[in-house]
Amino acid sequence: MSTTTTIQTAPLGPRTVRRIGFGAMQLAGPNAFGPPADPAAARAVLRRAVERGVDHIDTAQVYGPDVVDELIAEALHPYPGDLVIATKVGGARDAQGAWIPASRPEELRATLEADLRLLRRERIDLVYLRRGVGGPAADEVPLADQVGALVELRAEGKLDLIGLSTVSAGDVEAALGITPIAAVQNPFSILDRADRPVVDLCRERGIAYVPYFPLGSAFGGGPAALAADPAIAAVAQRHGATPAQVALAWLLAHDGMLIIPGTSSIAHLEENLAAGAVRLDAQDLAALER
């Protein structure tokens, strides 16, 4: 961990992207199900993110479903040449919005085909295999079969880079025995550091680590918990920053980590992007580590 956030870009596979990207899940309705109350506002957030230099957007066909992919295409197509779009396969929604498995190779293919159609793309830059959607039954499909399906889709020209999401260090090692892995997307934040072994493994192997819920779970009151933490609040006051900005700056102090905070508000987007200017020194980091 470094003591400043002066490095503003990092590798994502063979590409280089800005370290603050955009997670698009919150552009759907509540619990990422159904349409947003104001689709025009959602499209405006996407356009503003790209105007401000965001070149890494994370989505999934399961958000809505279909809704967020459609919003991205409506707002940004034809896409800037440097924009990396990442998606996830491995899950679906039922009619009531519950998360259910879609983890068999043929289901992974069908989900990616839907992403391609909805996003108006011939190829997706990065596709994560999301494990565990819908409970333990989702992981009954062997990891090797799932990764193999993505390798086949890559050979067909439908994706560039393969990633993993919600996986253990053992899963990452097993997948690396089959194909290069460009990125891992797991839950990790200043409030939830249980994934440190995978963070360390990714750093050792040169794999981008992309924490989801970087401010704590969007469904579990993460931002409120940040504001209630005395150490985070003290560092925020010292820097004239918000607790959320400190939490994001803490992640950026991990060399090479890419973050994808999400929002449906332009004001909140600007706040998140400004976290890149918060410089945490050794005193700050020591206080936050404790």
C-alpha atoms as a PDB file:
ATOM      1  CA  MET A   1       0.000   0.000   0.000  1.00  0.00           C
ATOM      2  CA  SER A   2       1.368   3.416  -0.958  1.00  0.00           C
ATOM      3  CA  THR A   3       0.869   6.637   0.973  1.00  0.00           C
ATOM      4  CA  THR A   4      -0.735   8.723  -1.788  1.00  0.00           C
ATOM      5  CA  THR A   5      -3.107   8.263  -4.683  1.00  0.00           C
ATOM      6  CA  THR A   6      -0.944   9.997  -7.272  1.00  0.00           C
ATOM      7  CA  ILE A   7      -1.245   7.154  -9.812  1.00  0.00           C
ATOM      8  CA  GLN A   8      -4.584   7.710 -11.498  1.00  0.00           C
ATOM      9  CA  THR A   9      -4.473   4.881 -14.078  1.00  0.00           C
ATOM     10  CA  ALA A  10      -3.827   1.157 -13.831  1.00  0.00           C
ATOM     11  CA  PRO A  11      -3.716  -1.890 -16.110  1.00  0.00           C
ATOM     12  CA  LEU A  12      -6.803  -3.886 -16.984  1.00  0.00           C
ATOM     13  CA  GLY A  13      -5.430  -6.756 -19.008  1.00  0.00           C
ATOM     14  CA  PRO A  14      -3.388  -5.206 -21.822  1.00  0.00           C
ATOM     15  CA  ARG A  15      -5.260  -1.898 -21.555  1.00  0.00           C
ATOM     16  CA  THR A  16      -4.821   1.025 -19.205  1.00  0.00           C
ATOM     17  CA  VAL A  17      -7.866   2.650 -17.631  1.00  0.00           C
ATOM     18  CA  ARG A  18      -8.546   5.354 -15.111  1.00  0.00           C
ATOM     19  CA  ARG A  19      -8.731   3.935 -11.632  1.00  0.00           C
ATOM     20  CA  ILE A  20     -12.152   5.412 -10.900  1.00  0.00           C
ATOM     21  CA  GLY A  21     -14.734   3.853 -13.173  1.00  0.00           C
ATOM     22  CA  PHE A  22     -18.506   3.620 -12.936  1.00  0.00           C
ATOM     23  CA  GLY A  23     -20.673   0.793 -11.652  1.00  0.00           C
ATOM     24  CA  ALA A  24     -24.024   0.964 -13.399  1.00  0.00           C
ATOM     25  CA  MET A  25     -26.151  -1.299 -11.171  1.00  0.00           C
ATOM     26  CA  GLN A  26     -27.875   1.603  -9.387  1.00  0.00           C
ATOM     27  CA  LEU A  27     -29.263   2.923 -12.668  1.00  0.00           C
ATOM     28  CA  ALA A  28     -31.973   0.253 -12.540  1.00  0.00           C
ATOM     29  CA  GLY A  29     -34.916   0.324 -10.170  1.00  0.00           C
ATOM     30  CA  PRO A  30     -34.792  -0.709  -6.495  1.00  0.00           C
ATOM     31  CA  ASN A  31     -32.701  -3.833  -5.856  1.00  0.00           C
ATOM     32  CA  ALA A  32     -31.442  -3.497  -9.450  1.00  0.00           C
ATOM     33  CA  PHE A  33     -34.855  -4.652 -10.701  1.00  0.00           C
ATOM     34  CA  GLY A  34     -37.085  -2.900 -13.177  1.00  0.00           C
ATOM     35  CA  PRO A  35     -36.596   0.533 -14.739  1.00  0.00           C
ATOM     36  CA  PRO A  36     -35.460   3.649 -12.901  1.00  0.00           C
ATOM     37  CA  ALA A  37     -37.970   6.300 -11.929  1.00  0.00           C
ATOM     38  CA  ASP A  38     -36.233   8.775 -14.270  1.00  0.00           C
ATOM     39  CA  PRO A  39     -34.550   7.113 -17.268  1.00  0.00           C
ATOM     40  CA  ALA A  40     -33.470  10.481 -18.683  1.00  0.00           C
ATOM     41  CA  ALA A  41     -31.579  11.245 -15.470  1.00  0.00           C
ATOM     42  CA  ALA A  42     -29.896   7.837 -15.638  1.00  0.00           C
ATOM     43  CA  ARG A  43     -28.738   8.517 -19.181  1.00  0.00           C
ATOM     44  CA  ALA A  44     -27.482  11.940 -18.103  1.00  0.00           C
ATOM     45  CA  VAL A  45     -25.328  10.356 -15.384  1.00  0.00           C
ATOM     46  CA  LEU A  46     -23.743   8.018 -17.936  1.00  0.00           C
ATOM     47  CA  ARG A  47     -23.009  10.866 -20.330  1.00  0.00           C
ATOM     48  CA  ARG A  48     -21.521  12.992 -17.563  1.00  0.00           C
ATOM     49  CA  ALA A  49     -19.313  10.140 -16.402  1.00  0.00           C
ATOM     50  CA  VAL A  50     -17.797   9.797 -19.863  1.00  0.00           C
ATOM     51  CA  GLU A  51     -17.471  13.587 -20.194  1.00  0.00           C
ATOM     52  CA  ARG A  52     -15.458  13.543 -16.960  1.00  0.00           C
ATOM     53  CA  GLY A  53     -13.065  10.953 -18.337  1.00  0.00           C
ATOM     54  CA  VAL A  54     -14.527   7.691 -17.028  1.00  0.00           C
ATOM     55  CA  ASP A  55     -13.360   4.958 -19.405  1.00  0.00           C
ATOM     56  CA  HIS A  56     -14.492   1.819 -17.532  1.00  0.00           C
ATOM     57  CA  ILE A  57     -18.191   1.045 -17.067  1.00  0.00           C
ATOM     58  CA  ASP A  58     -19.389  -2.084 -15.295  1.00  0.00           C
ATOM     59  CA  THR A  59     -22.819  -3.492 -16.130  1.00  0.00           C
ATOM     60  CA  ALA A  60     -24.715  -6.783 -16.368  1.00  0.00           C
ATOM     61  CA  GLN A  61     -27.689  -8.043 -18.332  1.00  0.00           C
ATOM     62  CA  VAL A  62     -29.196  -9.106 -15.002  1.00  0.00           C
ATOM     63  CA  TYR A  63     -29.508  -5.460 -13.894  1.00  0.00           C
ATOM     64  CA  GLY A  64     -33.136  -4.746 -14.682  1.00  0.00           C
ATOM     65  CA  PRO A  65     -32.871  -7.250 -16.323  1.00  0.00           C
ATOM     66  CA  ASP A  66     -31.920  -5.633 -19.659  1.00  0.00           C
ATOM     67  CA  VAL A  67     -32.663  -2.132 -18.374  1.00  0.00           C
ATOM     68  CA  VAL A  68     -29.133  -0.936 -17.597  1.00  0.00           C
ATOM     69  CA  ASP A  69     -27.603  -2.320 -20.784  1.00  0.00           C
ATOM     70  CA  GLU A  70     -30.297  -0.512 -22.760  1.00  0.00           C
ATOM     71  CA  LEU A  71     -29.670   2.757 -20.915  1.00  0.00           C
ATOM     72  CA  ILE A  72     -25.934   2.506 -21.624  1.00  0.00           C
ATOM     73  CA  ALA A  73     -26.544   1.965 -25.326  1.00  0.00           C
ATOM     74  CA  GLU A  74     -29.093   4.784 -25.520  1.00  0.00           C
ATOM     75  CA  ALA A  75     -26.772   7.210 -23.747  1.00  0.00           C
ATOM     76  CA  LEU A  76     -23.375   6.329 -25.183  1.00  0.00           C
ATOM     77  CA  HIS A  77     -23.669   4.465 -28.487  1.00  0.00           C
ATOM     78  CA  PRO A  78     -21.656   4.910 -30.679  1.00  0.00           C
ATOM     79  CA  TYR A  79     -19.108   4.390 -27.927  1.00  0.00           C
ATOM     80  CA  PRO A  80     -15.841   6.284 -27.436  1.00  0.00           C
ATOM     81  CA  GLY A  81     -12.932   4.221 -28.692  1.00  0.00           C
ATOM     82  CA  ASP A  82     -11.232   4.092 -25.292  1.00  0.00           C
ATOM     83  CA  LEU A  83     -14.313   3.009 -23.316  1.00  0.00           C
ATOM     84  CA  VAL A  84     -14.052  -0.395 -21.633  1.00  0.00           C
ATOM     85  CA  ILE A  85     -17.404  -2.035 -20.955  1.00  0.00           C
ATOM     86  CA  ALA A  86     -17.432  -4.964 -18.550  1.00  0.00           C
ATOM     87  CA  THR A  87     -20.338  -7.294 -17.897  1.00  0.00           C
ATOM     88  CA  LYS A  88     -21.068 -10.392 -15.830  1.00  0.00           C
ATOM     89  CA  VAL A  89     -22.622 -13.759 -16.626  1.00  0.00           C
ATOM     90  CA  GLY A  90     -23.755 -16.486 -14.245  1.00  0.00           C
ATOM     91  CA  GLY A  91     -27.105 -15.297 -12.921  1.00  0.00           C
ATOM     92  CA  ALA A  92     -30.620 -14.243 -13.886  1.00  0.00           C
ATOM     93  CA  ARG A  93     -33.800 -12.827 -12.287  1.00  0.00           C
ATOM     94  CA  ASP A  94     -37.191 -14.429 -11.879  1.00  0.00           C
ATOM     95  CA  ALA A  95     -40.468 -12.604 -12.449  1.00  0.00           C
ATOM     96  CA  GLN A  96     -40.422 -11.214  -8.897  1.00  0.00           C
ATOM     97  CA  GLY A  97     -36.821 -10.012  -9.145  1.00  0.00           C
ATOM     98  CA  ALA A  98     -35.183 -12.778  -7.115  1.00  0.00           C
ATOM     99  CA  TRP A  99     -31.618 -13.663  -8.106  1.00  0.00           C
ATOM    100  CA  ILE A 100     -31.456 -17.155  -9.628  1.00  0.00           C
ATOM    101  CA  PRO A 101     -28.639 -19.233 -11.153  1.00  0.00           C
ATOM    102  CA  ALA A 102     -27.878 -19.161 -14.866  1.00  0.00           C
ATOM    103  CA  SER A 103     -24.495 -20.802 -14.616  1.00  0.00           C
ATOM    104  CA  ARG A 104     -24.454 -23.654 -17.115  1.00  0.00           C
ATOM    105  CA  PRO A 105     -22.294 -23.084 -20.209  1.00  0.00           C
ATOM    106  CA  GLU A 106     -25.319 -22.668 -22.469  1.00  0.00           C
ATOM    107  CA  GLU A 107     -26.780 -20.115 -20.047  1.00  0.00           C
ATOM    108  CA  LEU A 108     -23.519 -18.169 -19.912  1.00  0.00           C
ATOM    109  CA  ARG A 109     -23.575 -18.028 -23.707  1.00  0.00           C
ATOM    110  CA  ALA A 110     -27.201 -16.892 -23.813  1.00  0.00           C
ATOM    111  CA  THR A 111     -26.558 -14.127 -21.277  1.00  0.00           C
ATOM    112  CA  LEU A 112     -23.564 -12.824 -23.199  1.00  0.00           C
ATOM    113  CA  GLU A 113     -25.537 -12.906 -26.454  1.00  0.00           C
ATOM    114  CA  ALA A 114     -28.178 -10.767 -24.746  1.00  0.00           C
ATOM    115  CA  ASP A 115     -25.506  -8.315 -23.548  1.00  0.00           C
ATOM    116  CA  LEU A 116     -24.146  -8.005 -27.083  1.00  0.00           C
ATOM    117  CA  ARG A 117     -27.608  -7.307 -28.495  1.00  0.00           C
ATOM    118  CA  LEU A 118     -28.647  -4.853 -25.785  1.00  0.00           C
ATOM    119  CA  LEU A 119     -25.345  -2.960 -25.754  1.00  0.00           C
ATOM    120  CA  ARG A 120     -25.179  -2.936 -29.576  1.00  0.00           C
ATOM    121  CA  ARG A 121     -21.717  -4.435 -29.491  1.00  0.00           C
ATOM    122  CA  GLU A 122     -20.072  -7.149 -31.553  1.00  0.00           C
ATOM    123  CA  ARG A 123     -17.638  -7.868 -28.719  1.00  0.00           C
ATOM    124  CA  ILE A 124     -17.560  -7.165 -24.978  1.00  0.00           C
ATOM    125  CA  ASP A 125     -14.260  -5.896 -23.575  1.00  0.00           C
ATOM    126  CA  LEU A 126     -14.385  -7.840 -20.290  1.00  0.00           C
ATOM    127  CA  VAL A 127     -16.745 -10.594 -19.158  1.00  0.00           C
ATOM    128  CA  TYR A 128     -16.766 -11.793 -15.554  1.00  0.00           C
ATOM    129  CA  LEU A 129     -17.908 -15.251 -14.571  1.00  0.00           C
ATOM    130  CA  ARG A 130     -20.020 -14.477 -11.497  1.00  0.00           C
ATOM    131  CA  ARG A 131     -20.120 -17.459  -9.143  1.00  0.00           C
ATOM    132  CA  GLY A 132     -22.788 -18.176  -6.549  1.00  0.00           C
ATOM    133  CA  VAL A 133     -25.731 -16.199  -7.931  1.00  0.00           C
ATOM    134  CA  GLY A 134     -28.907 -17.739  -6.539  1.00  0.00           C
ATOM    135  CA  GLY A 135     -27.245 -19.734  -3.761  1.00  0.00           C
ATOM    136  CA  PRO A 136     -25.039 -22.821  -3.477  1.00  0.00           C
ATOM    137  CA  ALA A 137     -26.792 -24.690  -6.289  1.00  0.00           C
ATOM    138  CA  ALA A 138     -25.267 -22.220  -8.736  1.00  0.00           C
ATOM    139  CA  ASP A 139     -21.794 -23.571  -8.025  1.00  0.00           C
ATOM    140  CA  GLU A 140     -22.696 -27.162  -8.837  1.00  0.00           C
ATOM    141  CA  VAL A 141     -21.513 -26.463 -12.375  1.00  0.00           C
ATOM    142  CA  PRO A 142     -17.750 -27.119 -12.463  1.00  0.00           C
ATOM    143  CA  LEU A 143     -15.645 -23.977 -12.642  1.00  0.00           C
ATOM    144  CA  ALA A 144     -13.603 -25.505 -15.453  1.00  0.00           C
ATOM    145  CA  ASP A 145     -16.730 -25.934 -17.592  1.00  0.00           C
ATOM    146  CA  GLN A 146     -17.764 -22.343 -17.006  1.00  0.00           C
ATOM    147  CA  VAL A 147     -14.338 -20.876 -17.747  1.00  0.00           C
ATOM    148  CA  GLY A 148     -14.094 -23.147 -20.764  1.00  0.00           C
ATOM    149  CA  ALA A 149     -17.334 -21.701 -22.102  1.00  0.00           C
ATOM    150  CA  LEU A 150     -15.898 -18.181 -21.858  1.00  0.00           C
ATOM    151  CA  VAL A 151     -12.712 -19.332 -23.588  1.00  0.00           C
ATOM    152  CA  GLU A 152     -14.866 -20.642 -26.457  1.00  0.00           C
ATOM    153  CA  LEU A 153     -16.766 -17.366 -26.669  1.00  0.00           C
ATOM    154  CA  ARG A 154     -13.472 -15.478 -26.746  1.00  0.00           C
ATOM    155  CA  ALA A 155     -12.285 -17.670 -29.617  1.00  0.00           C
ATOM    156  CA  GLU A 156     -15.487 -16.743 -31.469  1.00  0.00           C
ATOM    157  CA  GLY A 157     -14.620 -13.044 -31.060  1.00  0.00           C
ATOM    158  CA  LYS A 158     -17.463 -12.256 -28.666  1.00  0.00           C
ATOM    159  CA  LEU A 159     -15.298 -11.097 -25.777  1.00  0.00           C
ATOM    160  CA  ASP A 160     -11.744  -9.901 -25.192  1.00  0.00           C
ATOM    161  CA  LEU A 161     -10.896 -10.457 -21.522  1.00  0.00           C
ATOM    162  CA  ILE A 162     -12.090 -12.979 -18.949  1.00  0.00           C
ATOM    163  CA  GLY A 163     -12.676 -12.091 -15.304  1.00  0.00           C
ATOM    164  CA  LEU A 164     -14.011 -13.783 -12.191  1.00  0.00           C
ATOM    165  CA  SER A 165     -16.457 -12.468  -9.596  1.00  0.00           C
ATOM    166  CA  THR A 166     -17.373 -13.620  -6.090  1.00  0.00           C
ATOM    167  CA  VAL A 167     -14.600 -16.201  -6.050  1.00  0.00           C
ATOM    168  CA  SER A 168     -12.033 -17.593  -3.634  1.00  0.00           C
ATOM    169  CA  ALA A 169      -8.275 -17.573  -4.027  1.00  0.00           C
ATOM    170  CA  GLY A 170      -8.541 -21.261  -4.924  1.00  0.00           C
ATOM    171  CA  ASP A 171     -10.997 -20.445  -7.712  1.00  0.00           C
ATOM    172  CA  VAL A 172      -8.591 -17.860  -9.110  1.00  0.00           C
ATOM    173  CA  GLU A 173      -5.702 -20.339  -9.060  1.00  0.00           C
ATOM    174  CA  ALA A 174      -7.836 -23.003 -10.751  1.00  0.00           C
ATOM    175  CA  ALA A 175      -8.985 -20.615 -13.476  1.00  0.00           C
ATOM    176  CA  LEU A 176      -5.418 -19.474 -14.100  1.00  0.00           C
ATOM    177  CA  GLY A 177      -4.626 -23.096 -14.923  1.00  0.00           C
ATOM    178  CA  ILE A 178      -7.041 -22.785 -17.862  1.00  0.00           C
ATOM    179  CA  THR A 179      -6.618 -19.241 -19.199  1.00  0.00           C
ATOM    180  CA  PRO A 180      -5.256 -15.805 -18.255  1.00  0.00           C
ATOM    181  CA  ILE A 181      -7.564 -13.891 -15.922  1.00  0.00           C
ATOM    182  CA  ALA A 182      -7.670 -10.116 -16.397  1.00  0.00           C
ATOM    183  CA  ALA A 183      -9.669  -9.062 -13.348  1.00  0.00           C
ATOM    184  CA  VAL A 184     -11.372 -10.257 -10.184  1.00  0.00           C
ATOM    185  CA  GLN A 185     -14.455  -8.493  -8.820  1.00  0.00           C
ATOM    186  CA  ASN A 186     -15.206  -9.362  -5.197  1.00  0.00           C
ATOM    187  CA  PRO A 187     -16.694  -7.460  -2.248  1.00  0.00           C
ATOM    188  CA  PHE A 188     -14.009  -5.419  -0.490  1.00  0.00           C
ATOM    189  CA  SER A 189     -14.104  -2.082   1.288  1.00  0.00           C
ATOM    190  CA  ILE A 190     -12.738  -0.253   4.292  1.00  0.00           C
ATOM    191  CA  LEU A 191     -15.657  -1.825   6.197  1.00  0.00           C
ATOM    192  CA  ASP A 192     -15.264  -5.351   4.779  1.00  0.00           C
ATOM    193  CA  ARG A 193     -11.687  -6.592   4.404  1.00  0.00           C
ATOM    194  CA  ALA A 194     -12.358 -10.344   4.457  1.00  0.00           C
ATOM    195  CA  ASP A 195     -11.171 -10.702   0.869  1.00  0.00           C
ATOM    196  CA  ARG A 196      -7.608  -9.602   1.622  1.00  0.00           C
ATOM    197  CA  PRO A 197      -6.137 -13.007   0.525  1.00  0.00           C
ATOM    198  CA  VAL A 198      -7.619 -12.563  -2.958  1.00  0.00           C
ATOM    199  CA  VAL A 199      -6.488  -8.923  -3.071  1.00  0.00           C
ATOM    200  CA  ASP A 200      -2.939 -10.068  -2.309  1.00  0.00           C
ATOM    201  CA  LEU A 201      -3.081 -12.908  -4.839  1.00  0.00           C
ATOM    202  CA  CYS A 202      -4.239 -10.545  -7.585  1.00  0.00           C
ATOM    203  CA  ARG A 203      -1.419  -8.131  -6.810  1.00  0.00           C
ATOM    204  CA  GLU A 204       1.116 -10.962  -6.966  1.00  0.00           C
ATOM    205  CA  ARG A 205      -0.266 -12.257 -10.276  1.00  0.00           C
ATOM    206  CA  GLY A 206      -0.754  -8.896 -11.969  1.00  0.00           C
ATOM    207  CA  ILE A 207      -4.549  -9.272 -12.032  1.00  0.00           C
ATOM    208  CA  ALA A 208      -6.720  -6.162 -11.694  1.00  0.00           C
ATOM    209  CA  TYR A 209      -8.786  -6.223  -8.508  1.00  0.00           C
ATOM    210  CA  VAL A 210     -12.141  -4.442  -8.821  1.00  0.00           C
ATOM    211  CA  PRO A 211     -13.994  -4.261  -5.484  1.00  0.00           C
ATOM    212  CA  TYR A 212     -17.750  -4.195  -5.688  1.00  0.00           C
ATOM    213  CA  PHE A 213     -19.682  -2.395  -2.961  1.00  0.00           C
ATOM    214  CA  PRO A 214     -16.622  -0.136  -2.443  1.00  0.00           C
ATOM    215  CA  LEU A 215     -18.642   1.910   0.061  1.00  0.00           C
ATOM    216  CA  GLY A 216     -20.187  -1.130   1.708  1.00  0.00           C
ATOM    217  CA  SER A 217     -23.288  -2.872   0.443  1.00  0.00           C
ATOM    218  CA  ALA A 218     -25.770  -0.654  -1.359  1.00  0.00           C
ATOM    219  CA  PHE A 219     -28.479  -2.820   0.230  1.00  0.00           C
ATOM    220  CA  GLY A 220     -27.027  -2.731   3.748  1.00  0.00           C
ATOM    221  CA  GLY A 221     -26.583   0.947   4.540  1.00  0.00           C
ATOM    222  CA  GLY A 222     -22.858   1.029   3.832  1.00  0.00           C
ATOM    223  CA  PRO A 223     -22.514   4.804   3.368  1.00  0.00           C
ATOM    224  CA  ALA A 224     -24.283   5.456   6.691  1.00  0.00           C
ATOM    225  CA  ALA A 225     -21.892   3.070   8.417  1.00  0.00           C
ATOM    226  CA  LEU A 226     -18.956   4.984   6.936  1.00  0.00           C
ATOM    227  CA  ALA A 227     -20.218   8.261   8.358  1.00  0.00           C
ATOM    228  CA  ALA A 228     -20.723   6.645  11.772  1.00  0.00           C
ATOM    229  CA  ASP A 229     -17.148   5.357  12.024  1.00  0.00           C
ATOM    230  CA  PRO A 230     -15.039   7.723  14.185  1.00  0.00           C
ATOM    231  CA  ALA A 231     -11.724   7.020  12.423  1.00  0.00           C
ATOM    232  CA  ILE A 232     -13.187   7.579   8.968  1.00  0.00           C
ATOM    233  CA  ALA A 233     -15.015  10.693  10.124  1.00  0.00           C
ATOM    234  CA  ALA A 234     -11.815  12.137  11.641  1.00  0.00           C
ATOM    235  CA  VAL A 235      -9.789  11.600   8.475  1.00  0.00           C
ATOM    236  CA  ALA A 236     -12.617  13.068   6.399  1.00  0.00           C
ATOM    237  CA  GLN A 237     -12.714  16.191   8.564  1.00  0.00           C
ATOM    238  CA  ARG A 238      -8.959  16.593   8.312  1.00  0.00           C
ATOM    239  CA  HIS A 239      -9.113  16.579   4.519  1.00  0.00           C
ATOM    240  CA  GLY A 240     -12.354  18.502   4.081  1.00  0.00           C
ATOM    241  CA  ALA A 241     -13.745  15.389   2.404  1.00  0.00           C
ATOM    242  CA  THR A 242     -16.799  13.190   2.882  1.00  0.00           C
ATOM    243  CA  PRO A 243     -16.558   9.789   4.592  1.00  0.00           C
ATOM    244  CA  ALA A 244     -17.387   8.161   1.259  1.00  0.00           C
ATOM    245  CA  GLN A 245     -14.483   9.967  -0.421  1.00  0.00           C
ATOM    246  CA  VAL A 246     -12.131   8.751   2.307  1.00  0.00           C
ATOM    247  CA  ALA A 247     -13.354   5.180   1.823  1.00  0.00           C
ATOM    248  CA  LEU A 248     -12.706   5.410  -1.906  1.00  0.00           C
ATOM    249  CA  ALA A 249      -9.319   7.059  -1.377  1.00  0.00           C
ATOM    250  CA  TRP A 250      -8.396   4.193   0.966  1.00  0.00           C
ATOM    251  CA  LEU A 251      -9.079   1.728  -1.836  1.00  0.00           C
ATOM    252  CA  LEU A 252      -7.073   3.847  -4.277  1.00  0.00           C
ATOM    253  CA  ALA A 253      -4.154   3.718  -1.847  1.00  0.00           C
ATOM    254  CA  HIS A 254      -3.912   0.021  -2.775  1.00  0.00           C
ATOM    255  CA  ASP A 255      -1.655   0.132  -5.816  1.00  0.00           C
ATOM    256  CA  GLY A 256      -3.363  -0.932  -9.036  1.00  0.00           C
ATOM    257  CA  MET A 257      -6.858  -1.399  -7.598  1.00  0.00           C
ATOM    258  CA  LEU A 258      -9.701  -0.215  -9.835  1.00  0.00           C
ATOM    259  CA  ILE A 259     -12.903   1.067  -8.250  1.00  0.00           C
ATOM    260  CA  ILE A 260     -16.385   1.298  -9.736  1.00  0.00           C
ATOM    261  CA  PRO A 261     -18.592   3.309  -7.357  1.00  0.00           C
ATOM    262  CA  GLY A 262     -22.132   3.569  -8.642  1.00  0.00           C
ATOM    263  CA  THR A 263     -24.810   6.205  -8.402  1.00  0.00           C
ATOM    264  CA  SER A 264     -27.901   7.506 -10.163  1.00  0.00           C
ATOM    265  CA  SER A 265     -27.060  11.121  -9.281  1.00  0.00           C
ATOM    266  CA  ILE A 266     -24.715  13.489 -11.125  1.00  0.00           C
ATOM    267  CA  ALA A 267     -23.874  15.267  -7.848  1.00  0.00           C
ATOM    268  CA  HIS A 268     -22.902  11.958  -6.240  1.00  0.00           C
ATOM    269  CA  LEU A 269     -20.918  11.030  -9.368  1.00  0.00           C
ATOM    270  CA  GLU A 270     -18.903  14.229  -9.040  1.00  0.00           C
ATOM    271  CA  GLU A 271     -18.293  13.484  -5.352  1.00  0.00           C
ATOM    272  CA  ASN A 272     -17.025  10.003  -6.193  1.00  0.00           C
ATOM    273  CA  LEU A 273     -14.695  11.255  -8.923  1.00  0.00           C
ATOM    274  CA  ALA A 274     -13.289  13.895  -6.582  1.00  0.00           C
ATOM    275  CA  ALA A 275     -12.086  11.101  -4.282  1.00  0.00           C
ATOM    276  CA  GLY A 276      -9.129  10.726  -6.645  1.00  0.00           C
ATOM    277  CA  ALA A 277      -7.803  14.051  -5.344  1.00  0.00           C
ATOM    278  CA  VAL A 278      -7.867  12.994  -1.669  1.00  0.00           C
ATOM    279  CA  ARG A 279      -4.270  12.256  -0.653  1.00  0.00           C
ATOM    280  CA  LEU A 280      -4.063   9.970   2.359  1.00  0.00           C
ATOM    281  CA  ASP A 281      -0.734  10.163   4.181  1.00  0.00           C
ATOM    282  CA  ALA A 282       0.892   7.602   6.448  1.00  0.00           C
ATOM    283  CA  GLN A 283      -0.907   9.006   9.495  1.00  0.00           C
ATOM    284  CA  ASP A 284      -4.276   8.686   7.782  1.00  0.00           C
ATOM    285  CA  LEU A 285      -3.587   5.164   6.596  1.00  0.00           C
ATOM    286  CA  ALA A 286      -2.393   4.050  10.018  1.00  0.00           C
ATOM    287  CA  ALA A 287      -5.556   5.416  11.641  1.00  0.00           C
ATOM    288  CA  LEU A 288      -7.747   3.715   9.049  1.00  0.00           C
ATOM    289  CA  GLU A 289      -5.902   0.404   9.342  1.00  0.00           C
ATOM    290  CA  ARG A 290      -6.591   0.367  13.076  1.00  0.00           C
END
